[in-house]
Amino acid sequence: MANKMTKGQIVTHIAEKTGLSRKLVASVFDVLGVLAAKELGKKGPGEFAILPGMVKAKIRTKAAVKAGKWMNPFTKQEEIRKAKPAKRVVRLAALKALKEVVG
């Protein structure tokens, strides 16, 4: 199995293939990160195509969990669970084009 590429290697590869400078490609990634943060933020729509046609990010809201006792299914002992507040979690979904390439 080949080694995974670093961010610098990805930027260099894209710069070579497109004929753009490394600084331009790096700035595109920076702007893409800012845009993703805006779209996935609290005031954004909660959905963003990171790589159009390849990967989509969505925000999923997890409900709050109340404190209480629960039965551990492995040890069969009752345990006390701490309360957890509701939180927003980012989920990534592979889209059709990526699934076809991989599978």
N, C-alpha and C. Protein backbone atom coordinates (compact mmCIF):
# COMPACT_ATOMS: atom_id res chain seq x y z
N MET A 1 0.85 -1.18 0.00
CA MET A 1 0.00 0.00 0.00
C MET A 1 0.89 1.24 0.00
N ALA A 2 0.55 2.23 -0.78
CA ALA A 2 1.33 3.45 -0.88
C ALA A 2 1.11 4.33 0.35
N ASN A 3 2.09 5.17 0.63
CA ASN A 3 1.97 6.10 1.75
C ASN A 3 0.97 7.19 1.41
N LYS A 4 0.29 7.71 2.44
CA LYS A 4 -0.67 8.78 2.18
C LYS A 4 0.07 10.09 1.92
N MET A 5 -0.55 10.96 1.15
CA MET A 5 0.08 12.23 0.78
C MET A 5 -0.13 13.26 1.88
N THR A 6 0.89 14.10 2.08
CA THR A 6 0.77 15.20 3.03
C THR A 6 0.11 16.38 2.33
N LYS A 7 -0.25 17.40 3.10
CA LYS A 7 -0.88 18.58 2.51
C LYS A 7 0.07 19.23 1.51
N GLY A 8 1.34 19.32 1.84
CA GLY A 8 2.32 19.92 0.94
C GLY A 8 2.45 19.14 -0.36
N GLN A 9 2.42 17.82 -0.28
CA GLN A 9 2.50 17.00 -1.48
C GLN A 9 1.26 17.17 -2.36
N ILE A 10 0.11 17.29 -1.73
CA ILE A 10 -1.13 17.49 -2.49
C ILE A 10 -1.08 18.84 -3.21
N VAL A 11 -0.65 19.89 -2.50
CA VAL A 11 -0.55 21.22 -3.09
C VAL A 11 0.43 21.21 -4.26
N THR A 12 1.58 20.57 -4.08
CA THR A 12 2.58 20.49 -5.14
C THR A 12 2.04 19.73 -6.34
N HIS A 13 1.38 18.62 -6.11
CA HIS A 13 0.84 17.80 -7.20
C HIS A 13 -0.20 18.59 -8.00
N ILE A 14 -1.11 19.27 -7.32
CA ILE A 14 -2.14 20.05 -8.01
C ILE A 14 -1.50 21.21 -8.78
N ALA A 15 -0.51 21.84 -8.17
CA ALA A 15 0.18 22.94 -8.85
C ALA A 15 0.86 22.48 -10.13
N GLU A 16 1.47 21.32 -10.09
CA GLU A 16 2.14 20.77 -11.28
C GLU A 16 1.13 20.41 -12.37
N LYS A 17 0.01 19.79 -11.98
CA LYS A 17 -0.97 19.34 -12.96
C LYS A 17 -1.74 20.51 -13.60
N THR A 18 -1.96 21.60 -12.85
CA THR A 18 -2.75 22.71 -13.36
C THR A 18 -1.90 23.84 -13.93
N GLY A 19 -0.63 23.86 -13.60
CA GLY A 19 0.23 24.95 -14.06
C GLY A 19 0.15 26.20 -13.20
N LEU A 20 -0.54 26.12 -12.08
CA LEU A 20 -0.63 27.24 -11.15
C LEU A 20 0.54 27.19 -10.18
N SER A 21 0.78 28.32 -9.50
CA SER A 21 1.84 28.34 -8.50
C SER A 21 1.37 27.65 -7.23
N ARG A 22 2.33 27.22 -6.42
CA ARG A 22 1.98 26.55 -5.16
C ARG A 22 1.22 27.52 -4.24
N LYS A 23 1.59 28.81 -4.27
CA LYS A 23 0.92 29.79 -3.41
C LYS A 23 -0.55 29.94 -3.78
N LEU A 24 -0.84 29.94 -5.07
CA LEU A 24 -2.24 30.04 -5.51
C LEU A 24 -3.05 28.82 -5.07
N VAL A 25 -2.49 27.66 -5.25
CA VAL A 25 -3.19 26.43 -4.86
C VAL A 25 -3.40 26.40 -3.34
N ALA A 26 -2.37 26.80 -2.58
CA ALA A 26 -2.50 26.84 -1.12
C ALA A 26 -3.55 27.85 -0.69
N SER A 27 -3.63 28.97 -1.39
CA SER A 27 -4.64 29.98 -1.04
C SER A 27 -6.05 29.47 -1.35
N VAL A 28 -6.20 28.66 -2.40
CA VAL A 28 -7.51 28.07 -2.71
C VAL A 28 -7.94 27.15 -1.57
N PHE A 29 -7.00 26.34 -1.06
CA PHE A 29 -7.33 25.47 0.07
C PHE A 29 -7.70 26.27 1.32
N ASP A 30 -6.99 27.38 1.55
CA ASP A 30 -7.31 28.23 2.70
C ASP A 30 -8.71 28.81 2.59
N VAL A 31 -9.05 29.32 1.40
CA VAL A 31 -10.38 29.90 1.18
C VAL A 31 -11.44 28.81 1.30
N LEU A 32 -11.15 27.62 0.81
CA LEU A 32 -12.09 26.50 0.92
C LEU A 32 -12.36 26.16 2.39
N GLY A 33 -11.32 26.21 3.22
CA GLY A 33 -11.49 25.97 4.66
C GLY A 33 -12.35 27.01 5.33
N VAL A 34 -12.13 28.28 4.97
CA VAL A 34 -12.94 29.37 5.53
C VAL A 34 -14.39 29.24 5.10
N LEU A 35 -14.61 28.91 3.83
CA LEU A 35 -15.96 28.73 3.32
C LEU A 35 -16.67 27.56 3.99
N ALA A 36 -15.96 26.46 4.20
CA ALA A 36 -16.54 25.30 4.89
C ALA A 36 -16.93 25.66 6.31
N ALA A 37 -16.07 26.42 7.01
CA ALA A 37 -16.39 26.83 8.38
C ALA A 37 -17.63 27.71 8.41
N LYS A 38 -17.76 28.59 7.42
CA LYS A 38 -18.93 29.47 7.36
C LYS A 38 -20.20 28.68 7.07
N GLU A 39 -20.15 27.76 6.11
CA GLU A 39 -21.32 26.99 5.73
C GLU A 39 -21.74 25.99 6.81
N LEU A 40 -20.78 25.45 7.55
CA LEU A 40 -21.10 24.46 8.59
C LEU A 40 -21.28 25.10 9.96
N GLY A 41 -21.06 26.40 10.06
CA GLY A 41 -21.20 27.11 11.33
C GLY A 41 -22.65 27.21 11.76
N LYS A 42 -22.88 27.84 12.92
CA LYS A 42 -24.22 27.92 13.49
C LYS A 42 -25.19 28.68 12.60
N LYS A 43 -24.70 29.70 11.87
CA LYS A 43 -25.59 30.51 11.03
C LYS A 43 -25.64 30.01 9.60
N GLY A 44 -24.85 29.01 9.26
CA GLY A 44 -24.84 28.47 7.90
C GLY A 44 -25.91 27.42 7.71
N PRO A 45 -26.06 26.93 6.47
CA PRO A 45 -27.10 25.93 6.18
C PRO A 45 -26.80 24.55 6.75
N GLY A 46 -25.56 24.27 7.16
CA GLY A 46 -25.25 22.99 7.78
C GLY A 46 -24.88 21.90 6.81
N GLU A 47 -24.64 22.28 5.53
CA GLU A 47 -24.27 21.29 4.53
C GLU A 47 -23.30 21.95 3.56
N PHE A 48 -22.24 21.21 3.16
CA PHE A 48 -21.23 21.80 2.30
C PHE A 48 -20.56 20.70 1.48
N ALA A 49 -20.46 20.91 0.16
CA ALA A 49 -19.76 19.96 -0.72
C ALA A 49 -18.28 20.32 -0.70
N ILE A 50 -17.48 19.57 0.06
CA ILE A 50 -16.05 19.86 0.18
C ILE A 50 -15.37 19.71 -1.16
N LEU A 51 -15.57 18.58 -1.79
CA LEU A 51 -15.11 18.35 -3.16
C LEU A 51 -16.37 18.06 -3.96
N PRO A 52 -16.85 19.01 -4.76
CA PRO A 52 -18.12 18.81 -5.47
C PRO A 52 -18.12 17.50 -6.26
N GLY A 53 -19.15 16.70 -6.03
CA GLY A 53 -19.29 15.41 -6.69
C GLY A 53 -18.54 14.28 -5.99
N MET A 54 -17.73 14.60 -4.99
CA MET A 54 -16.93 13.58 -4.32
C MET A 54 -17.30 13.41 -2.84
N VAL A 55 -17.21 14.52 -2.07
CA VAL A 55 -17.43 14.44 -0.62
C VAL A 55 -18.33 15.59 -0.17
N LYS A 56 -19.30 15.25 0.67
CA LYS A 56 -20.20 16.25 1.23
C LYS A 56 -20.12 16.18 2.76
N ALA A 57 -20.08 17.34 3.40
CA ALA A 57 -20.08 17.41 4.86
C ALA A 57 -21.44 17.92 5.32
N LYS A 58 -21.97 17.29 6.37
CA LYS A 58 -23.25 17.70 6.95
C LYS A 58 -23.09 17.83 8.45
N ILE A 59 -23.88 18.71 9.03
CA ILE A 59 -23.92 18.85 10.48
C ILE A 59 -25.08 18.02 11.00
N ARG A 60 -24.79 17.21 11.99
CA ARG A 60 -25.81 16.41 12.65
C ARG A 60 -25.86 16.84 14.10
N THR A 61 -27.04 17.13 14.62
CA THR A 61 -27.19 17.54 16.00
C THR A 61 -27.50 16.33 16.86
N LYS A 62 -26.63 16.07 17.83
CA LYS A 62 -26.86 14.97 18.76
C LYS A 62 -27.64 15.51 19.96
N ALA A 63 -28.63 14.79 20.37
CA ALA A 63 -29.49 15.21 21.48
C ALA A 63 -28.74 15.12 22.81
N ALA A 64 -29.21 15.91 23.77
CA ALA A 64 -28.63 15.87 25.10
C ALA A 64 -28.97 14.53 25.77
N VAL A 65 -28.08 14.08 26.64
CA VAL A 65 -28.28 12.82 27.36
C VAL A 65 -28.42 13.15 28.85
N LYS A 66 -29.48 12.67 29.45
CA LYS A 66 -29.71 12.93 30.88
C LYS A 66 -28.82 12.03 31.73
N ALA A 67 -28.51 12.51 32.93
CA ALA A 67 -27.75 11.69 33.87
C ALA A 67 -28.67 10.60 34.41
N GLY A 68 -28.08 9.49 34.75
CA GLY A 68 -28.90 8.42 35.31
C GLY A 68 -28.15 7.11 35.38
N LYS A 69 -28.85 6.08 35.79
CA LYS A 69 -28.26 4.76 35.90
C LYS A 69 -28.58 3.96 34.65
N TRP A 70 -27.66 3.10 34.26
CA TRP A 70 -27.87 2.23 33.12
C TRP A 70 -27.16 0.91 33.36
N MET A 71 -27.60 -0.11 32.68
CA MET A 71 -27.03 -1.45 32.84
C MET A 71 -25.95 -1.65 31.78
N ASN A 72 -24.74 -1.92 32.21
CA ASN A 72 -23.65 -2.22 31.28
C ASN A 72 -23.90 -3.61 30.72
N PRO A 73 -24.08 -3.74 29.40
CA PRO A 73 -24.44 -5.04 28.84
C PRO A 73 -23.32 -6.07 28.92
N PHE A 74 -22.07 -5.63 29.11
CA PHE A 74 -20.95 -6.57 29.14
C PHE A 74 -20.70 -7.10 30.55
N THR A 75 -20.72 -6.21 31.55
CA THR A 75 -20.44 -6.63 32.92
C THR A 75 -21.71 -6.95 33.70
N LYS A 76 -22.86 -6.58 33.15
CA LYS A 76 -24.17 -6.78 33.80
C LYS A 76 -24.26 -6.04 35.14
N GLN A 77 -23.49 -4.97 35.26
CA GLN A 77 -23.54 -4.16 36.49
C GLN A 77 -24.16 -2.81 36.16
N GLU A 78 -24.84 -2.26 37.16
CA GLU A 78 -25.46 -0.96 37.00
C GLU A 78 -24.40 0.13 37.18
N GLU A 79 -24.38 1.08 36.25
CA GLU A 79 -23.41 2.17 36.32
C GLU A 79 -24.12 3.50 36.25
N ILE A 80 -23.45 4.54 36.76
CA ILE A 80 -24.02 5.88 36.72
C ILE A 80 -23.45 6.60 35.51
N ARG A 81 -24.33 7.15 34.69
CA ARG A 81 -23.94 7.87 33.48
C ARG A 81 -24.04 9.37 33.74
N LYS A 82 -23.02 10.12 33.33
CA LYS A 82 -23.02 11.57 33.48
C LYS A 82 -23.91 12.20 32.40
N ALA A 83 -24.45 13.36 32.70
CA ALA A 83 -25.25 14.09 31.72
C ALA A 83 -24.32 14.70 30.67
N LYS A 84 -24.78 14.71 29.42
CA LYS A 84 -24.01 15.32 28.33
C LYS A 84 -24.91 16.32 27.61
N PRO A 85 -24.39 17.50 27.31
CA PRO A 85 -25.20 18.49 26.59
C PRO A 85 -25.36 18.12 25.12
N ALA A 86 -26.32 18.74 24.46
CA ALA A 86 -26.50 18.53 23.02
C ALA A 86 -25.28 19.09 22.30
N LYS A 87 -24.91 18.47 21.18
CA LYS A 87 -23.75 18.97 20.45
C LYS A 87 -23.93 18.75 18.96
N ARG A 88 -23.17 19.53 18.20
CA ARG A 88 -23.19 19.44 16.74
C ARG A 88 -21.98 18.64 16.29
N VAL A 89 -22.21 17.65 15.40
CA VAL A 89 -21.15 16.76 14.94
C VAL A 89 -21.09 16.83 13.41
N VAL A 90 -19.89 16.88 12.86
CA VAL A 90 -19.72 16.90 11.41
C VAL A 90 -19.66 15.46 10.89
N ARG A 91 -20.45 15.18 9.86
CA ARG A 91 -20.46 13.87 9.22
C ARG A 91 -20.07 14.05 7.76
N LEU A 92 -19.21 13.20 7.26
CA LEU A 92 -18.80 13.24 5.86
C LEU A 92 -19.47 12.10 5.11
N ALA A 93 -19.91 12.39 3.90
CA ALA A 93 -20.55 11.38 3.07
C ALA A 93 -19.86 11.33 1.72
N ALA A 94 -19.49 10.13 1.29
CA ALA A 94 -18.90 9.94 -0.04
C ALA A 94 -20.04 9.96 -1.05
N LEU A 95 -19.85 10.74 -2.11
CA LEU A 95 -20.87 10.84 -3.15
C LEU A 95 -20.60 9.84 -4.27
N LYS A 96 -21.50 9.80 -5.24
CA LYS A 96 -21.48 8.77 -6.27
C LYS A 96 -20.15 8.68 -7.03
N ALA A 97 -19.59 9.83 -7.42
CA ALA A 97 -18.35 9.81 -8.20
C ALA A 97 -17.20 9.16 -7.42
N LEU A 98 -17.10 9.46 -6.14
CA LEU A 98 -16.04 8.88 -5.31
C LEU A 98 -16.28 7.38 -5.11
N LYS A 99 -17.51 7.00 -4.90
CA LYS A 99 -17.83 5.58 -4.71
C LYS A 99 -17.49 4.76 -5.95
N GLU A 100 -17.73 5.34 -7.12
CA GLU A 100 -17.40 4.63 -8.37
C GLU A 100 -15.90 4.47 -8.54
N VAL A 101 -15.12 5.49 -8.14
CA VAL A 101 -13.65 5.42 -8.26
C VAL A 101 -13.09 4.38 -7.31
N VAL A 102 -13.61 4.36 -6.08
CA VAL A 102 -13.09 3.46 -5.05
C VAL A 102 -13.59 2.03 -5.26
N GLY A 103 -14.86 1.89 -5.52
CA GLY A 103 -15.45 0.57 -5.54
C GLY A 103 -15.45 -0.04 -6.88
